[in-house]
Amino acid sequence: MMENLLNYTGAISDLDTRHQRYIDDLNDTTNFLKADIDQHESAQLKMSAAVSSLELFRLNQTLSKCDSDLKIGFTASVSSASCTWSSGTLVFPNHHKRWQRIQP
């Protein structure tokens, strides 16, 4: 009887050890999956922000193409070793046409 009791005690201890190992493995797997999900959620948020930014850029480009009365000015400088050219004005009458240089 005592021998059977020791066998059962040993078997229960072995089962308890295996059970604890399975629980530890499940916890490790759960933690790994949580970290993986967090990483994918972060990547998804970054991708969503990038898509939103591109959509806004596309919308701005579309709106700027529709507004033909929109005037845009800028300043440009040109370095040249030429002694004969002093200045000029660049005119961009339409983005489909070539630019032309107008003498002052």
PDB file of N, CA and C in Angstrom:
ATOM      1  N   MET A   1       0.814  -1.185   0.000  1.00  0.00           N
ATOM      2  CA  MET A   1       0.000   0.000   0.000  1.00  0.00           C
ATOM      3  C   MET A   1       0.865   1.259   0.000  1.00  0.00           C
ATOM      4  N   MET A   2       1.898   1.285   0.827  1.00  0.00           N
ATOM      5  CA  MET A   2       2.791   2.436   0.900  1.00  0.00           C
ATOM      6  C   MET A   2       3.521   2.618  -0.426  1.00  0.00           C
ATOM      7  N   GLU A   3       3.860   1.504  -1.040  1.00  0.00           N
ATOM      8  CA  GLU A   3       4.556   1.570  -2.331  1.00  0.00           C
ATOM      9  C   GLU A   3       3.649   2.188  -3.389  1.00  0.00           C
ATOM     10  N   ASN A   4       2.378   1.799  -3.404  1.00  0.00           N
ATOM     11  CA  ASN A   4       1.420   2.387  -4.347  1.00  0.00           C
ATOM     12  C   ASN A   4       1.248   3.884  -4.081  1.00  0.00           C
ATOM     13  N   LEU A   5       1.198   4.240  -2.829  1.00  0.00           N
ATOM     14  CA  LEU A   5       1.054   5.648  -2.458  1.00  0.00           C
ATOM     15  C   LEU A   5       2.254   6.458  -2.945  1.00  0.00           C
ATOM     16  N   LEU A   6       3.461   5.904  -2.799  1.00  0.00           N
ATOM     17  CA  LEU A   6       4.664   6.589  -3.288  1.00  0.00           C
ATOM     18  C   LEU A   6       4.648   6.689  -4.810  1.00  0.00           C
ATOM     19  N   ASN A   7       4.181   5.639  -5.477  1.00  0.00           N
ATOM     20  CA  ASN A   7       4.082   5.675  -6.947  1.00  0.00           C
ATOM     21  C   ASN A   7       3.099   6.755  -7.398  1.00  0.00           C
ATOM     22  N   TYR A   8       1.943   6.810  -6.721  1.00  0.00           N
ATOM     23  CA  TYR A   8       0.955   7.828  -7.067  1.00  0.00           C
ATOM     24  C   TYR A   8       1.480   9.236  -6.779  1.00  0.00           C
ATOM     25  N   THR A   9       2.170   9.371  -5.667  1.00  0.00           N
ATOM     26  CA  THR A   9       2.738  10.672  -5.316  1.00  0.00           C
ATOM     27  C   THR A   9       3.762  11.099  -6.360  1.00  0.00           C
ATOM     28  N   GLY A  10       4.600  10.162  -6.800  1.00  0.00           N
ATOM     29  CA  GLY A  10       5.593  10.457  -7.839  1.00  0.00           C
ATOM     30  C   GLY A  10       4.926  10.803  -9.155  1.00  0.00           C
ATOM     31  N   ALA A  11       3.871  10.059  -9.509  1.00  0.00           N
ATOM     32  CA  ALA A  11       3.155  10.320 -10.758  1.00  0.00           C
ATOM     33  C   ALA A  11       2.477  11.686 -10.711  1.00  0.00           C
ATOM     34  N   ILE A  12       1.869  11.997  -9.578  1.00  0.00           N
ATOM     35  CA  ILE A  12       1.209  13.302  -9.428  1.00  0.00           C
ATOM     36  C   ILE A  12       2.237  14.431  -9.508  1.00  0.00           C
ATOM     37  N   SER A  13       3.381  14.246  -8.882  1.00  0.00           N
ATOM     38  CA  SER A  13       4.440  15.253  -8.930  1.00  0.00           C
ATOM     39  C   SER A  13       4.927  15.445 -10.362  1.00  0.00           C
ATOM     40  N   ASP A  14       5.085  14.337 -11.089  1.00  0.00           N
ATOM     41  CA  ASP A  14       5.512  14.399 -12.489  1.00  0.00           C
ATOM     42  C   ASP A  14       4.461  15.121 -13.330  1.00  0.00           C
ATOM     43  N   LEU A  15       3.185  14.792 -13.117  1.00  0.00           N
ATOM     44  CA  LEU A  15       2.111  15.462 -13.846  1.00  0.00           C
ATOM     45  C   LEU A  15       2.063  16.953 -13.516  1.00  0.00           C
ATOM     46  N   ASP A  16       2.279  17.272 -12.253  1.00  0.00           N
ATOM     47  CA  ASP A  16       2.281  18.672 -11.836  1.00  0.00           C
ATOM     48  C   ASP A  16       3.411  19.438 -12.521  1.00  0.00           C
ATOM     49  N   THR A  17       4.587  18.817 -12.599  1.00  0.00           N
ATOM     50  CA  THR A  17       5.739  19.442 -13.266  1.00  0.00           C
ATOM     51  C   THR A  17       5.448  19.655 -14.748  1.00  0.00           C
ATOM     52  N   ARG A  18       4.897  18.627 -15.412  1.00  0.00           N
ATOM     53  CA  ARG A  18       4.567  18.745 -16.841  1.00  0.00           C
ATOM     54  C   ARG A  18       3.480  19.798 -17.055  1.00  0.00           C
ATOM     55  N   HIS A  19       2.496  19.794 -16.167  1.00  0.00           N
ATOM     56  CA  HIS A  19       1.415  20.770 -16.252  1.00  0.00           C
ATOM     57  C   HIS A  19       1.970  22.193 -16.132  1.00  0.00           C
ATOM     58  N   GLN A  20       2.870  22.399 -15.189  1.00  0.00           N
ATOM     59  CA  GLN A  20       3.473  23.720 -15.008  1.00  0.00           C
ATOM     60  C   GLN A  20       4.298  24.115 -16.228  1.00  0.00           C
ATOM     61  N   ARG A  21       4.993  23.152 -16.836  1.00  0.00           N
ATOM     62  CA  ARG A  21       5.777  23.418 -18.041  1.00  0.00           C
ATOM     63  C   ARG A  21       4.853  23.831 -19.191  1.00  0.00           C
ATOM     64  N   TYR A  22       3.709  23.152 -19.330  1.00  0.00           N
ATOM     65  CA  TYR A  22       2.743  23.515 -20.371  1.00  0.00           C
ATOM     66  C   TYR A  22       2.190  24.924 -20.138  1.00  0.00           C
ATOM     67  N   ILE A  23       1.906  25.237 -18.886  1.00  0.00           N
ATOM     68  CA  ILE A  23       1.404  26.579 -18.565  1.00  0.00           C
ATOM     69  C   ILE A  23       2.463  27.634 -18.894  1.00  0.00           C
ATOM     70  N   ASP A  24       3.720  27.364 -18.551  1.00  0.00           N
ATOM     71  CA  ASP A  24       4.806  28.305 -18.867  1.00  0.00           C
ATOM     72  C   ASP A  24       4.949  28.478 -20.375  1.00  0.00           C
ATOM     73  N   ASP A  25       4.869  27.357 -21.111  1.00  0.00           N
ATOM     74  CA  ASP A  25       4.956  27.434 -22.576  1.00  0.00           C
ATOM     75  C   ASP A  25       3.794  28.245 -23.150  1.00  0.00           C
ATOM     76  N   LEU A  26       2.595  28.030 -22.619  1.00  0.00           N
ATOM     77  CA  LEU A  26       1.440  28.802 -23.084  1.00  0.00           C
ATOM     78  C   LEU A  26       1.599  30.286 -22.768  1.00  0.00           C
ATOM     79  N   ASN A  27       2.106  30.597 -21.589  1.00  0.00           N
ATOM     80  CA  ASN A  27       2.343  32.002 -21.232  1.00  0.00           C
ATOM     81  C   ASN A  27       3.385  32.638 -22.142  1.00  0.00           C
ATOM     82  N   ASP A  28       4.460  31.900 -22.439  1.00  0.00           N
ATOM     83  CA  ASP A  28       5.487  32.416 -23.347  1.00  0.00           C
ATOM     84  C   ASP A  28       4.901  32.666 -24.734  1.00  0.00           C
ATOM     85  N   THR A  29       4.108  31.710 -25.216  1.00  0.00           N
ATOM     86  CA  THR A  29       3.483  31.860 -26.533  1.00  0.00           C
ATOM     87  C   THR A  29       2.519  33.039 -26.541  1.00  0.00           C
ATOM     88  N   THR A  30       1.738  33.180 -25.479  1.00  0.00           N
ATOM     89  CA  THR A  30       0.799  34.301 -25.377  1.00  0.00           C
ATOM     90  C   THR A  30       1.543  35.632 -25.381  1.00  0.00           C
ATOM     91  N   ASN A  31       2.622  35.727 -24.628  1.00  0.00           N
ATOM     92  CA  ASN A  31       3.416  36.965 -24.601  1.00  0.00           C
ATOM     93  C   ASN A  31       4.022  37.263 -25.964  1.00  0.00           C
ATOM     94  N   PHE A  32       4.508  36.218 -26.650  1.00  0.00           N
ATOM     95  CA  PHE A  32       5.068  36.391 -27.986  1.00  0.00           C
ATOM     96  C   PHE A  32       3.996  36.903 -28.945  1.00  0.00           C
ATOM     97  N   LEU A  33       2.806  36.304 -28.886  1.00  0.00           N
ATOM     98  CA  LEU A  33       1.725  36.723 -29.776  1.00  0.00           C
ATOM     99  C   LEU A  33       1.266  38.149 -29.471  1.00  0.00           C
ATOM    100  N   LYS A  34       1.207  38.506 -28.191  1.00  0.00           N
ATOM    101  CA  LYS A  34       0.836  39.879 -27.827  1.00  0.00           C
ATOM    102  C   LYS A  34       1.846  40.877 -28.388  1.00  0.00           C
ATOM    103  N   ALA A  35       3.132  40.559 -28.265  1.00  0.00           N
ATOM    104  CA  ALA A  35       4.169  41.451 -28.800  1.00  0.00           C
ATOM    105  C   ALA A  35       4.055  41.549 -30.320  1.00  0.00           C
ATOM    106  N   ASP A  36       3.773  40.424 -30.969  1.00  0.00           N
ATOM    107  CA  ASP A  36       3.627  40.402 -32.422  1.00  0.00           C
ATOM    108  C   ASP A  36       2.416  41.236 -32.849  1.00  0.00           C
ATOM    109  N   ILE A  37       1.320  41.104 -32.125  1.00  0.00           N
ATOM    110  CA  ILE A  37       0.116  41.882 -32.428  1.00  0.00           C
ATOM    111  C   ILE A  37       0.387  43.370 -32.220  1.00  0.00           C
ATOM    112  N   ASP A  38       1.064  43.724 -31.136  1.00  0.00           N
ATOM    113  CA  ASP A  38       1.405  45.131 -30.890  1.00  0.00           C
ATOM    114  C   ASP A  38       2.253  45.697 -32.019  1.00  0.00           C
ATOM    115  N   GLN A  39       3.203  44.904 -32.489  1.00  0.00           N
ATOM    116  CA  GLN A  39       4.075  45.347 -33.584  1.00  0.00           C
ATOM    117  C   GLN A  39       3.258  45.554 -34.859  1.00  0.00           C
ATOM    118  N   HIS A  40       2.345  44.636 -35.148  1.00  0.00           N
ATOM    119  CA  HIS A  40       1.526  44.771 -36.344  1.00  0.00           C
ATOM    120  C   HIS A  40       0.547  45.942 -36.226  1.00  0.00           C
ATOM    121  N   GLU A  41       0.014  46.175 -35.037  1.00  0.00           N
ATOM    122  CA  GLU A  41      -0.868  47.329 -34.842  1.00  0.00           C
ATOM    123  C   GLU A  41      -0.109  48.630 -35.058  1.00  0.00           C
ATOM    124  N   SER A  42       1.116  48.690 -34.569  1.00  0.00           N
ATOM    125  CA  SER A  42       1.940  49.880 -34.767  1.00  0.00           C
ATOM    126  C   SER A  42       2.232  50.092 -36.253  1.00  0.00           C
ATOM    127  N   ALA A  43       2.578  49.014 -36.943  1.00  0.00           N
ATOM    128  CA  ALA A  43       2.846  49.109 -38.381  1.00  0.00           C
ATOM    129  C   ALA A  43       1.588  49.526 -39.132  1.00  0.00           C
ATOM    130  N   GLN A  44       0.433  49.014 -38.715  1.00  0.00           N
ATOM    131  CA  GLN A  44      -0.823  49.374 -39.361  1.00  0.00           C
ATOM    132  C   GLN A  44      -1.134  50.853 -39.153  1.00  0.00           C
ATOM    133  N   LEU A  45      -0.885  51.366 -37.954  1.00  0.00           N
ATOM    134  CA  LEU A  45      -1.111  52.792 -37.698  1.00  0.00           C
ATOM    135  C   LEU A  45      -0.196  53.662 -38.552  1.00  0.00           C
ATOM    136  N   LYS A  46       1.069  53.255 -38.669  1.00  0.00           N
ATOM    137  CA  LYS A  46       2.001  54.014 -39.512  1.00  0.00           C
ATOM    138  C   LYS A  46       1.555  53.984 -40.967  1.00  0.00           C
ATOM    139  N   MET A  47       1.114  52.805 -41.427  1.00  0.00           N
ATOM    140  CA  MET A  47       0.661  52.675 -42.809  1.00  0.00           C
ATOM    141  C   MET A  47      -0.594  53.516 -43.036  1.00  0.00           C
ATOM    142  N   SER A  48      -1.493  53.508 -42.073  1.00  0.00           N
ATOM    143  CA  SER A  48      -2.715  54.302 -42.182  1.00  0.00           C
ATOM    144  C   SER A  48      -2.391  55.793 -42.246  1.00  0.00           C
ATOM    145  N   ALA A  49      -1.440  56.232 -41.429  1.00  0.00           N
ATOM    146  CA  ALA A  49      -1.028  57.637 -41.452  1.00  0.00           C
ATOM    147  C   ALA A  49      -0.401  57.993 -42.796  1.00  0.00           C
ATOM    148  N   ALA A  50       0.403  57.088 -43.339  1.00  0.00           N
ATOM    149  CA  ALA A  50       1.031  57.339 -44.638  1.00  0.00           C
ATOM    150  C   ALA A  50      -0.022  57.419 -45.740  1.00  0.00           C
ATOM    151  N   VAL A  51      -1.004  56.529 -45.700  1.00  0.00           N
ATOM    152  CA  VAL A  51      -2.075  56.551 -46.700  1.00  0.00           C
ATOM    153  C   VAL A  51      -2.868  57.849 -46.591  1.00  0.00           C
ATOM    154  N   SER A  52      -3.180  58.267 -45.374  1.00  0.00           N
ATOM    155  CA  SER A  52      -3.910  59.524 -45.180  1.00  0.00           C
ATOM    156  C   SER A  52      -3.113  60.703 -45.721  1.00  0.00           C
ATOM    157  N   SER A  53      -1.818  60.689 -45.468  1.00  0.00           N
ATOM    158  CA  SER A  53      -0.959  61.757 -45.964  1.00  0.00           C
ATOM    159  C   SER A  53      -0.943  61.781 -47.491  1.00  0.00           C
ATOM    160  N   LEU A  54      -0.851  60.608 -48.103  1.00  0.00           N
ATOM    161  CA  LEU A  54      -0.862  60.539 -49.568  1.00  0.00           C
ATOM    162  C   LEU A  54      -2.212  60.970 -50.136  1.00  0.00           C
ATOM    163  N   GLU A  55      -3.294  60.598 -49.469  1.00  0.00           N
ATOM    164  CA  GLU A  55      -4.614  61.025 -49.933  1.00  0.00           C
ATOM    165  C   GLU A  55      -4.754  62.534 -49.854  1.00  0.00           C
ATOM    166  N   LEU A  56      -4.256  63.136 -48.784  1.00  0.00           N
ATOM    167  CA  LEU A  56      -4.298  64.587 -48.647  1.00  0.00           C
ATOM    168  C   LEU A  56      -3.440  65.254 -49.722  1.00  0.00           C
ATOM    169  N   PHE A  57      -2.259  64.694 -49.978  1.00  0.00           N
ATOM    170  CA  PHE A  57      -1.395  65.223 -51.027  1.00  0.00           C
ATOM    171  C   PHE A  57      -2.090  65.149 -52.385  1.00  0.00           C
ATOM    172  N   ARG A  58      -2.722  63.998 -52.673  1.00  0.00           N
ATOM    173  CA  ARG A  58      -3.429  63.828 -53.950  1.00  0.00           C
ATOM    174  C   ARG A  58      -4.570  64.832 -54.061  1.00  0.00           C
ATOM    175  N   LEU A  59      -5.308  65.022 -52.981  1.00  0.00           N
ATOM    176  CA  LEU A  59      -6.407  65.980 -52.989  1.00  0.00           C
ATOM    177  C   LEU A  59      -5.887  67.392 -53.240  1.00  0.00           C
ATOM    178  N   ASN A  60      -4.805  67.763 -52.579  1.00  0.00           N
ATOM    179  CA  ASN A  60      -4.216  69.093 -52.796  1.00  0.00           C
ATOM    180  C   ASN A  60      -3.747  69.257 -54.232  1.00  0.00           C
ATOM    181  N   GLN A  61      -3.147  68.206 -54.785  1.00  0.00           N
ATOM    182  CA  GLN A  61      -2.697  68.276 -56.174  1.00  0.00           C
ATOM    183  C   GLN A  61      -3.882  68.436 -57.118  1.00  0.00           C
ATOM    184  N   THR A  62      -4.948  67.686 -56.852  1.00  0.00           N
ATOM    185  CA  THR A  62      -6.143  67.780 -57.688  1.00  0.00           C
ATOM    186  C   THR A  62      -6.749  69.173 -57.601  1.00  0.00           C
ATOM    187  N   LEU A  63      -6.847  69.707 -56.388  1.00  0.00           N
ATOM    188  CA  LEU A  63      -7.428  71.035 -56.218  1.00  0.00           C
ATOM    189  C   LEU A  63      -6.565  72.111 -56.859  1.00  0.00           C
ATOM    190  N   SER A  64      -5.254  71.983 -56.770  1.00  0.00           N
ATOM    191  CA  SER A  64      -4.383  73.004 -57.355  1.00  0.00           C
ATOM    192  C   SER A  64      -4.430  72.962 -58.875  1.00  0.00           C
ATOM    193  N   LYS A  65      -4.679  71.793 -59.456  1.00  0.00           N
ATOM    194  CA  LYS A  65      -4.796  71.703 -60.914  1.00  0.00           C
ATOM    195  C   LYS A  65      -6.106  72.310 -61.395  1.00  0.00           C
ATOM    196  N   CYS A  66      -7.140  72.269 -60.554  1.00  0.00           N
ATOM    197  CA  CYS A  66      -8.445  72.796 -60.944  1.00  0.00           C
ATOM    198  C   CYS A  66      -8.491  74.313 -60.868  1.00  0.00           C
ATOM    199  N   ASP A  67      -7.662  74.920 -60.060  1.00  0.00           N
ATOM    200  CA  ASP A  67      -7.686  76.363 -59.865  1.00  0.00           C
ATOM    201  C   ASP A  67      -6.687  77.011 -60.810  1.00  0.00           C
ATOM    202  N   SER A  68      -7.144  77.329 -62.021  1.00  0.00           N
ATOM    203  CA  SER A  68      -6.230  77.899 -63.012  1.00  0.00           C
ATOM    204  C   SER A  68      -5.918  79.366 -62.727  1.00  0.00           C
ATOM    205  N   ASP A  69      -6.699  80.014 -61.866  1.00  0.00           N
ATOM    206  CA  ASP A  69      -6.435  81.411 -61.517  1.00  0.00           C
ATOM    207  C   ASP A  69      -5.443  81.554 -60.375  1.00  0.00           C
ATOM    208  N   LEU A  70      -5.026  80.450 -59.809  1.00  0.00           N
ATOM    209  CA  LEU A  70      -4.102  80.486 -58.684  1.00  0.00           C
ATOM    210  C   LEU A  70      -2.740  80.975 -59.160  1.00  0.00           C
ATOM    211  N   LYS A  71      -2.268  82.048 -58.563  1.00  0.00           N
ATOM    212  CA  LYS A  71      -0.967  82.613 -58.915  1.00  0.00           C
ATOM    213  C   LYS A  71       0.053  82.174 -57.883  1.00  0.00           C
ATOM    214  N   ILE A  72       1.164  81.696 -58.354  1.00  0.00           N
ATOM    215  CA  ILE A  72       2.236  81.264 -57.470  1.00  0.00           C
ATOM    216  C   ILE A  72       3.491  82.028 -57.858  1.00  0.00           C
ATOM    217  N   GLY A  73       4.111  82.666 -56.900  1.00  0.00           N
ATOM    218  CA  GLY A  73       5.331  83.409 -57.168  1.00  0.00           C
ATOM    219  C   GLY A  73       6.509  82.815 -56.430  1.00  0.00           C
ATOM    220  N   PHE A  74       7.685  83.007 -56.970  1.00  0.00           N
ATOM    221  CA  PHE A  74       8.895  82.533 -56.318  1.00  0.00           C
ATOM    222  C   PHE A  74      10.067  83.359 -56.821  1.00  0.00           C
ATOM    223  N   THR A  75      11.157  83.297 -56.136  1.00  0.00           N
ATOM    224  CA  THR A  75      12.375  83.993 -56.518  1.00  0.00           C
ATOM    225  C   THR A  75      13.429  82.956 -56.853  1.00  0.00           C
ATOM    226  N   ALA A  76      14.169  83.222 -57.907  1.00  0.00           N
ATOM    227  CA  ALA A  76      15.234  82.303 -58.307  1.00  0.00           C
ATOM    228  C   ALA A  76      16.479  83.112 -58.621  1.00  0.00           C
ATOM    229  N   SER A  77      17.612  82.521 -58.404  1.00  0.00           N
ATOM    230  CA  SER A  77      18.863  83.185 -58.768  1.00  0.00           C
ATOM    231  C   SER A  77      19.677  82.237 -59.628  1.00  0.00           C
ATOM    232  N   VAL A  78      20.457  82.834 -60.513  1.00  0.00           N
ATOM    233  CA  VAL A  78      21.292  82.051 -61.418  1.00  0.00           C
ATOM    234  C   VAL A  78      22.703  82.609 -61.343  1.00  0.00           C
ATOM    235  N   SER A  79      23.635  81.739 -61.114  1.00  0.00           N
ATOM    236  CA  SER A  79      25.041  82.151 -61.136  1.00  0.00           C
ATOM    237  C   SER A  79      25.574  81.914 -62.538  1.00  0.00           C
ATOM    238  N   SER A  80      26.256  82.913 -63.068  1.00  0.00           N
ATOM    239  CA  SER A  80      26.780  82.778 -64.419  1.00  0.00           C
ATOM    240  C   SER A  80      28.077  83.570 -64.535  1.00  0.00           C
ATOM    241  N   ALA A  81      28.969  83.060 -65.335  1.00  0.00           N
ATOM    242  CA  ALA A  81      30.218  83.762 -65.607  1.00  0.00           C
ATOM    243  C   ALA A  81      30.063  84.715 -66.783  1.00  0.00           C
ATOM    244  N   SER A  82      28.882  84.753 -67.378  1.00  0.00           N
ATOM    245  CA  SER A  82      28.637  85.588 -68.546  1.00  0.00           C
ATOM    246  C   SER A  82      28.654  87.064 -68.158  1.00  0.00           C
ATOM    247  N   CYS A  83      29.306  87.881 -68.975  1.00  0.00           N
ATOM    248  CA  CYS A  83      29.355  89.319 -68.734  1.00  0.00           C
ATOM    249  C   CYS A  83      28.209  90.041 -69.434  1.00  0.00           C
ATOM    250  N   THR A  84      27.525  89.368 -70.350  1.00  0.00           N
ATOM    251  CA  THR A  84      26.519  90.058 -71.160  1.00  0.00           C
ATOM    252  C   THR A  84      25.106  89.915 -70.610  1.00  0.00           C
ATOM    253  N   TRP A  85      24.835  88.900 -69.859  1.00  0.00           N
ATOM    254  CA  TRP A  85      23.464  88.692 -69.353  1.00  0.00           C
ATOM    255  C   TRP A  85      23.341  89.312 -67.981  1.00  0.00           C
ATOM    256  N   SER A  86      22.338  90.180 -67.803  1.00  0.00           N
ATOM    257  CA  SER A  86      22.201  90.837 -66.506  1.00  0.00           C
ATOM    258  C   SER A  86      20.989  90.335 -65.728  1.00  0.00           C
ATOM    259  N   SER A  87      19.868  90.162 -66.394  1.00  0.00           N
ATOM    260  CA  SER A  87      18.690  89.664 -65.687  1.00  0.00           C
ATOM    261  C   SER A  87      17.624  89.287 -66.693  1.00  0.00           C
ATOM    262  N   GLY A  88      16.548  88.747 -66.200  1.00  0.00           N
ATOM    263  CA  GLY A  88      15.427  88.372 -67.052  1.00  0.00           C
ATOM    264  C   GLY A  88      14.267  87.922 -66.190  1.00  0.00           C
ATOM    265  N   THR A  89      13.146  87.745 -66.827  1.00  0.00           N
ATOM    266  CA  THR A  89      11.953  87.297 -66.116  1.00  0.00           C
ATOM    267  C   THR A  89      11.465  86.011 -66.754  1.00  0.00           C
ATOM    268  N   LEU A  90      11.207  85.036 -65.935  1.00  0.00           N
ATOM    269  CA  LEU A  90      10.624  83.795 -66.425  1.00  0.00           C
ATOM    270  C   LEU A  90       9.118  83.884 -66.263  1.00  0.00           C
ATOM    271  N   VAL A  91       8.405  83.515 -67.310  1.00  0.00           N
ATOM    272  CA  VAL A  91       6.947  83.549 -67.257  1.00  0.00           C
ATOM    273  C   VAL A  91       6.437  82.140 -67.490  1.00  0.00           C
ATOM    274  N   PHE A  92       5.550  81.717 -66.627  1.00  0.00           N
ATOM    275  CA  PHE A  92       4.928  80.402 -66.752  1.00  0.00           C
ATOM    276  C   PHE A  92       3.436  80.623 -66.995  1.00  0.00           C
ATOM    277  N   PRO A  93       3.019  80.868 -68.241  1.00  0.00           N
ATOM    278  CA  PRO A  93       1.615  81.197 -68.482  1.00  0.00           C
ATOM    279  C   PRO A  93       0.672  80.015 -68.234  1.00  0.00           C
ATOM    280  N   ASN A  94       1.128  78.828 -68.477  1.00  0.00           N
ATOM    281  CA  ASN A  94       0.290  77.644 -68.298  1.00  0.00           C
ATOM    282  C   ASN A  94       1.222  76.466 -68.093  1.00  0.00           C
ATOM    283  N   HIS A  95       0.870  75.570 -67.199  1.00  0.00           N
ATOM    284  CA  HIS A  95       1.793  74.469 -66.922  1.00  0.00           C
ATOM    285  C   HIS A  95       1.918  73.499 -68.096  1.00  0.00           C
ATOM    286  N   HIS A  96       1.029  73.623 -69.107  1.00  0.00           N
ATOM    287  CA  HIS A  96       1.139  72.753 -70.276  1.00  0.00           C
ATOM    288  C   HIS A  96       2.047  73.365 -71.345  1.00  0.00           C
ATOM    289  N   LYS A  97       2.315  74.657 -71.237  1.00  0.00           N
ATOM    290  CA  LYS A  97       3.155  75.335 -72.223  1.00  0.00           C
ATOM    291  C   LYS A  97       4.575  75.448 -71.698  1.00  0.00           C
ATOM    292  N   ARG A  98       5.495  75.675 -72.597  1.00  0.00           N
ATOM    293  CA  ARG A  98       6.887  75.869 -72.195  1.00  0.00           C
ATOM    294  C   ARG A  98       7.055  77.270 -71.616  1.00  0.00           C
ATOM    295  N   TRP A  99       8.057  77.431 -70.776  1.00  0.00           N
ATOM    296  CA  TRP A  99       8.336  78.744 -70.219  1.00  0.00           C
ATOM    297  C   TRP A  99       9.081  79.574 -71.246  1.00  0.00           C
ATOM    298  N   GLN A 100       9.016  80.854 -71.068  1.00  0.00           N
ATOM    299  CA  GLN A 100       9.734  81.752 -71.964  1.00  0.00           C
ATOM    300  C   GLN A 100      10.441  82.818 -71.151  1.00  0.00           C
ATOM    301  N   ARG A 101      11.511  83.313 -71.690  1.00  0.00           N
ATOM    302  CA  ARG A 101      12.277  84.360 -71.032  1.00  0.00           C
ATOM    303  C   ARG A 101      11.896  85.678 -71.678  1.00  0.00           C
ATOM    304  N   ILE A 102      11.525  86.642 -70.853  1.00  0.00           N
ATOM    305  CA  ILE A 102      11.149  87.959 -71.364  1.00  0.00           C
ATOM    306  C   ILE A 102      12.224  88.946 -70.944  1.00  0.00           C
ATOM    307  N   GLN A 103      12.710  89.704 -71.894  1.00  0.00           N
ATOM    308  CA  GLN A 103      13.722  90.713 -71.604  1.00  0.00           C
ATOM    309  C   GLN A 103      13.064  91.884 -70.890  1.00  0.00           C
ATOM    310  N   PRO A 104      13.735  92.458 -69.889  1.00  0.00           N
ATOM    311  CA  PRO A 104      13.165  93.624 -69.184  1.00  0.00           C
ATOM    312  C   PRO A 104      13.203  94.877 -70.040  1.00  0.00           C
TER     313      PRO A 104
END
